[in-house]
Protein backbone atom coordinates (compact mmCIF):
# COMPACT_ATOMS: atom_id res chain seq x y z
CA MET A 1 29.89 -81.75 -72.55
CA LYS A 2 33.61 -81.76 -73.30
CA LYS A 3 35.58 -78.81 -71.82
CA ILE A 4 37.28 -76.62 -74.43
CA ALA A 5 41.06 -76.31 -74.27
CA SER A 6 41.18 -72.74 -73.01
CA PHE A 7 39.07 -73.65 -69.98
CA THR A 8 41.60 -76.28 -68.91
CA VAL A 9 44.35 -73.71 -68.37
CA ASN A 10 44.78 -72.85 -64.71
CA HIS A 11 43.88 -69.18 -64.69
CA ASP A 12 44.86 -68.88 -60.98
CA THR A 13 48.56 -69.26 -61.96
CA LEU A 14 48.50 -67.60 -65.41
CA VAL A 15 50.54 -64.46 -65.69
CA PRO A 16 50.89 -61.90 -68.52
CA GLY A 17 52.85 -63.24 -71.45
CA ALA A 18 52.46 -65.13 -74.70
CA TYR A 19 51.56 -68.78 -74.84
CA VAL A 20 50.77 -71.49 -77.44
CA SER A 21 47.10 -72.18 -76.63
CA ARG A 22 46.55 -74.93 -79.17
CA ILE A 23 47.79 -76.42 -82.43
CA ASP A 24 45.23 -77.69 -84.90
CA GLY A 25 46.95 -79.06 -87.95
CA ASP A 26 48.79 -76.13 -89.56
CA ILE A 27 47.02 -73.51 -87.44
CA THR A 28 48.45 -72.38 -84.11
CA THR A 29 46.53 -70.28 -81.62
CA TYR A 30 48.54 -67.97 -79.39
CA ASP A 31 47.26 -66.63 -76.11
CA LEU A 32 48.52 -63.07 -75.75
CA ARG A 33 47.78 -62.42 -72.11
CA PHE A 34 48.09 -58.74 -71.20
CA ILE A 35 46.50 -58.92 -67.78
CA LYS A 36 46.69 -61.47 -64.95
CA PRO A 37 43.37 -63.25 -64.99
CA ASN A 38 40.77 -62.32 -62.32
CA THR A 39 42.95 -59.33 -61.30
CA PRO A 40 41.31 -55.99 -62.14
CA PRO A 41 41.54 -53.64 -63.76
CA PHE A 42 40.78 -55.46 -66.99
CA LEU A 43 41.39 -53.99 -70.39
CA PRO A 44 38.74 -51.37 -71.21
CA ASN A 45 36.82 -52.07 -74.41
CA PRO A 46 37.99 -48.90 -76.16
CA VAL A 47 41.60 -49.85 -75.49
CA MET A 48 41.05 -53.40 -76.70
CA HIS A 49 39.28 -52.13 -79.81
CA THR A 50 42.21 -49.85 -80.71
CA ILE A 51 44.81 -52.68 -80.08
CA GLU A 52 42.75 -54.94 -82.31
CA HIS A 53 42.81 -52.40 -85.16
CA LEU A 54 46.51 -51.69 -84.80
CA PHE A 55 47.74 -55.28 -84.35
CA ALA A 56 45.59 -56.75 -87.10
CA THR A 57 46.73 -54.03 -89.52
CA TYR A 58 50.44 -54.35 -88.78
CA ALA A 59 50.39 -58.22 -88.73
CA ARG A 60 48.54 -58.37 -91.99
CA ASN A 61 51.04 -55.97 -93.54
CA SER A 62 54.08 -57.99 -92.37
CA LYS A 63 56.11 -60.40 -94.41
CA TYR A 64 53.84 -63.11 -92.84
CA ALA A 65 50.60 -61.46 -94.01
CA ASP A 66 49.38 -64.53 -95.87
CA ARG A 67 49.84 -66.69 -92.73
CA VAL A 68 47.79 -64.49 -90.37
CA ILE A 69 44.41 -65.98 -89.77
CA TYR A 70 42.84 -63.89 -86.96
CA PHE A 71 43.60 -61.52 -84.08
CA GLY A 72 40.86 -60.71 -81.65
CA PRO A 73 40.03 -59.96 -78.03
CA MET A 74 39.22 -62.43 -75.27
CA GLY A 75 35.80 -61.94 -73.70
CA CYS A 76 37.34 -61.80 -70.23
CA ARG A 77 39.21 -58.67 -71.35
CA THR A 78 42.67 -59.99 -70.26
CA GLY A 79 44.23 -60.40 -73.71
CA PHE A 80 43.85 -61.57 -77.27
CA TYR A 81 43.97 -64.64 -79.39
CA PHE A 82 46.28 -64.63 -82.43
CA LEU A 83 45.96 -67.43 -85.03
CA VAL A 84 48.55 -68.22 -87.69
CA ARG A 85 49.14 -70.82 -90.25
CA ASP A 86 52.31 -72.63 -91.26
CA MET A 87 54.67 -70.62 -88.99
CA SER A 88 57.32 -71.81 -86.62
CA GLN A 89 56.98 -70.74 -83.02
CA GLN A 90 60.09 -68.64 -83.49
CA GLU A 91 58.58 -66.84 -86.50
CA ALA A 92 55.29 -66.28 -84.62
CA LEU A 93 57.05 -64.98 -81.56
CA ASP A 94 59.23 -62.59 -83.72
CA LEU A 95 56.05 -61.41 -85.43
CA ILE A 96 54.20 -60.89 -82.13
CA LYS A 97 57.09 -58.95 -80.56
CA GLU A 98 57.68 -56.88 -83.71
CA THR A 99 53.96 -56.13 -84.14
CA ILE A 100 53.48 -55.09 -80.48
CA LYS A 101 56.48 -52.81 -80.77
CA LYS A 102 55.19 -51.15 -83.99
CA CYS A 103 51.76 -50.73 -82.50
CA SER A 104 53.20 -49.12 -79.40
CA GLU A 105 55.09 -46.65 -81.61
CA HIS A 106 52.19 -45.92 -83.97
CA THR A 107 51.44 -42.30 -84.75
CA GLY A 108 48.69 -40.83 -86.76
CA GLU A 109 45.16 -42.21 -87.33
CA ILE A 110 43.84 -45.54 -86.08
CA PRO A 111 43.66 -47.84 -89.18
CA GLY A 112 40.11 -48.63 -90.29
CA ASN A 113 38.55 -46.03 -88.05
CA THR A 114 35.70 -44.54 -90.11
CA ALA A 115 31.99 -45.34 -90.06
CA ALA A 116 32.35 -47.11 -93.44
CA GLU A 117 35.15 -49.35 -92.15
CA CYS A 118 34.20 -50.11 -88.55
CA GLY A 119 30.97 -51.02 -86.73
CA ASN A 120 31.88 -48.95 -83.64
CA TYR A 121 34.40 -46.41 -84.93
CA LYS A 122 33.82 -43.94 -82.12
CA GLU A 123 34.85 -46.29 -79.35
CA HIS A 124 38.56 -46.13 -79.27
CA ASP A 125 41.26 -45.12 -76.78
CA PHE A 126 44.54 -44.60 -78.66
CA ALA A 127 46.51 -43.18 -75.66
CA GLY A 128 45.27 -46.02 -73.43
CA ALA A 129 46.17 -48.63 -76.00
CA VAL A 130 49.70 -47.28 -76.48
CA LYS A 131 50.28 -47.33 -72.68
CA VAL A 132 49.07 -50.95 -72.50
CA LEU A 133 51.10 -52.00 -75.49
CA LYS A 134 54.30 -50.43 -74.16
CA LYS A 135 53.81 -52.31 -70.86
CA TYR A 136 53.08 -55.57 -72.69
CA TYR A 137 56.15 -55.19 -74.91
CA LYS A 138 58.33 -55.04 -71.78
CA GLU A 139 56.88 -58.37 -70.74
CA LEU A 140 57.71 -59.94 -74.06
CA ASN A 141 60.99 -58.26 -74.87
CA ASN A 142 63.18 -61.07 -73.54
CA TYR A 143 60.80 -63.93 -74.42
CA THR A 144 62.10 -67.05 -76.14
CA ILE A 145 60.08 -69.92 -77.50
CA ASP A 146 60.70 -71.72 -74.20
CA ASN A 147 58.42 -69.11 -72.58
CA LEU A 148 55.50 -70.00 -74.85
CA LYS A 149 54.39 -72.96 -72.69
CA TYR A 150 51.69 -72.57 -70.03
CA ASN A 151 53.20 -73.16 -66.57
């Protein structure tokens, strides 16, 4: 069987950051790596769940809302995939940085966090998510599109 693209990335040398994972026509997948692979502690599920709700809500309420395809967690619990359509890498990086910053500064309720809106609405960790988001924003703060390449 053919190996999928994400399994060809050397996870031994991958560090936290943001990377272009793949480009399929007009859709670009970004690897938002919060944790160095195979280096616990990994992101706890409640933290990831809260980040997913926050990031998806802010990104889909940005000026690029109609170009956001998907934001969701990696099964390995080291980060997230972010898929966008018809966006330059600079626009995507700006959106990622702006969204991470807004999420890290969010106050109030977690968006979409009722039984009617979410299939696991009780499993969230807002304080943990904010802590992780603030740390990740520091990683990305000085990023340019030159940093979006896997090493």
